[in-house]
Amino acid sequence: MTLAHFITLSAILFSIGVTGVMTHRNLLVVLMSIELMLNAANVAFIAFSRFHGEMGGQALAFFVIALAASEATVGLAIVIAIFRKQGTVDAGELRYLKD
C-alpha cells in the first residue's frame, strides 16, 4: 500500500466526519463525527510518519488521542447536563446555555 492509499482513506473519513457535523442536529452524533475527524487526522499523521521513517507523526497521533479522550469526556458531560436541564440533545432546540 502506498502513501496515497492512506491519505485517501484519511480524506474519506474526514469528509464523513465533516458531513456528520454539518448535517446532524443530535449533539451525540456531532461528538462522534468530531471523533471521526480526529481519527482521520491520526491516520494521516501515522501514514506520513511511517513513509518518512520518523517518529514525530506517531508522537503527535498519541497527543491527538489524548485530546480526543478529554474532548469526549468533557463533551459528554456537557451533553448530559444539557439533557438534564432541557430534556433534549437536539442542537436546534437548545434555548439558553447560561442557566
Protein backbone atom coordinates (compact mmCIF):
# COMPACT_ATOMS: atom_id res chain seq x y z
CA MET A 1 0.00 0.00 0.00
CA THR A 2 1.25 3.44 -0.84
CA LEU A 3 1.02 6.73 0.98
CA ALA A 4 -1.75 7.81 -1.39
CA HIS A 5 -3.96 4.95 -0.18
CA PHE A 6 -3.66 6.06 3.43
CA ILE A 7 -4.20 9.73 2.62
CA THR A 8 -7.25 8.84 0.54
CA LEU A 9 -8.64 6.84 3.45
CA SER A 10 -7.93 9.74 5.78
CA ALA A 11 -9.66 12.20 3.44
CA ILE A 12 -12.72 9.96 3.14
CA LEU A 13 -13.00 9.54 6.91
CA PHE A 14 -12.55 13.27 7.44
CA SER A 15 -15.23 14.02 4.83
CA ILE A 16 -17.66 11.66 6.54
CA GLY A 17 -16.95 13.41 9.85
CA VAL A 18 -17.49 16.88 8.39
CA THR A 19 -20.73 15.72 6.79
CA GLY A 20 -21.90 14.37 10.14
CA VAL A 21 -21.12 17.63 11.92
CA MET A 22 -22.84 19.75 9.28
CA THR A 23 -25.99 17.67 8.76
CA HIS A 24 -26.95 16.21 12.14
CA ARG A 25 -28.55 18.11 14.96
CA ASN A 26 -28.13 15.47 17.65
CA LEU A 27 -25.19 16.51 19.85
CA LEU A 28 -24.07 12.90 20.39
CA VAL A 29 -23.79 12.35 16.63
CA VAL A 30 -21.86 15.61 16.33
CA LEU A 31 -19.42 14.46 19.02
CA MET A 32 -18.94 11.11 17.25
CA SER A 33 -18.34 12.94 13.97
CA ILE A 34 -15.67 15.08 15.60
CA GLU A 35 -14.02 11.91 16.92
CA LEU A 36 -14.07 10.51 13.39
CA MET A 37 -12.35 13.64 12.10
CA LEU A 38 -9.67 13.38 14.78
CA ASN A 39 -9.08 9.73 13.90
CA ALA A 40 -8.77 10.65 10.23
CA ALA A 41 -6.05 13.11 11.19
CA ASN A 42 -4.33 10.32 13.16
CA VAL A 43 -4.33 8.08 10.09
CA ALA A 44 -2.65 10.85 8.11
CA PHE A 45 -0.09 11.56 10.84
CA ILE A 46 0.87 7.92 11.19
CA ALA A 47 0.97 7.36 7.42
CA PHE A 48 3.33 10.30 6.91
CA SER A 49 5.41 9.17 9.87
CA ARG A 50 5.70 5.64 8.53
CA PHE A 51 6.60 6.62 4.99
CA HIS A 52 9.15 9.23 6.07
CA GLY A 53 10.74 6.99 8.69
CA GLU A 54 10.33 9.44 11.59
CA MET A 55 8.52 9.12 14.90
CA GLY A 56 7.15 12.67 15.07
CA GLY A 57 3.82 11.79 13.45
CA GLN A 58 3.28 8.88 15.80
CA ALA A 59 4.01 11.05 18.81
CA LEU A 60 1.59 13.68 17.51
CA ALA A 61 -1.06 11.00 16.98
CA PHE A 62 -0.62 9.95 20.61
CA PHE A 63 -1.35 13.51 21.75
CA VAL A 64 -4.38 13.70 19.46
CA ILE A 65 -5.71 10.50 21.03
CA ALA A 66 -5.29 12.05 24.49
CA LEU A 67 -7.03 15.22 23.28
CA ALA A 68 -9.88 13.16 21.80
CA ALA A 69 -10.36 11.30 25.07
CA SER A 70 -10.56 14.50 27.07
CA GLU A 71 -12.84 16.09 24.46
CA ALA A 72 -15.18 13.11 24.63
CA THR A 73 -15.27 13.23 28.43
CA VAL A 74 -15.98 16.95 28.67
CA GLY A 75 -18.37 16.89 25.70
CA LEU A 76 -20.38 14.01 27.10
CA ALA A 77 -20.59 15.71 30.49
CA ILE A 78 -21.92 18.86 28.83
CA VAL A 79 -24.44 16.87 26.79
CA ILE A 80 -25.68 15.09 29.92
CA ALA A 81 -26.03 18.42 31.75
CA ILE A 82 -27.97 19.89 28.82
CA PHE A 83 -30.23 16.84 28.66
CA ARG A 84 -30.98 17.05 32.38
CA LYS A 85 -31.74 20.76 32.15
CA GLN A 86 -33.72 20.89 28.91
CA GLY A 87 -34.75 17.29 28.21
CA THR A 88 -33.24 17.13 24.71
CA VAL A 89 -29.89 16.78 22.97
CA ASP A 90 -31.11 18.30 19.72
CA ALA A 91 -28.92 21.31 18.89
CA GLY A 92 -31.78 23.08 17.15
CA GLU A 93 -33.97 23.05 20.24
CA LEU A 94 -31.43 24.42 22.71
CA ARG A 95 -32.54 27.72 24.13
CA TYR A 96 -30.09 29.00 26.70
CA LEU A 97 -26.80 27.60 27.95
CA LYS A 98 -26.17 30.06 30.80
CA ASP A 99 -28.89 28.78 33.20
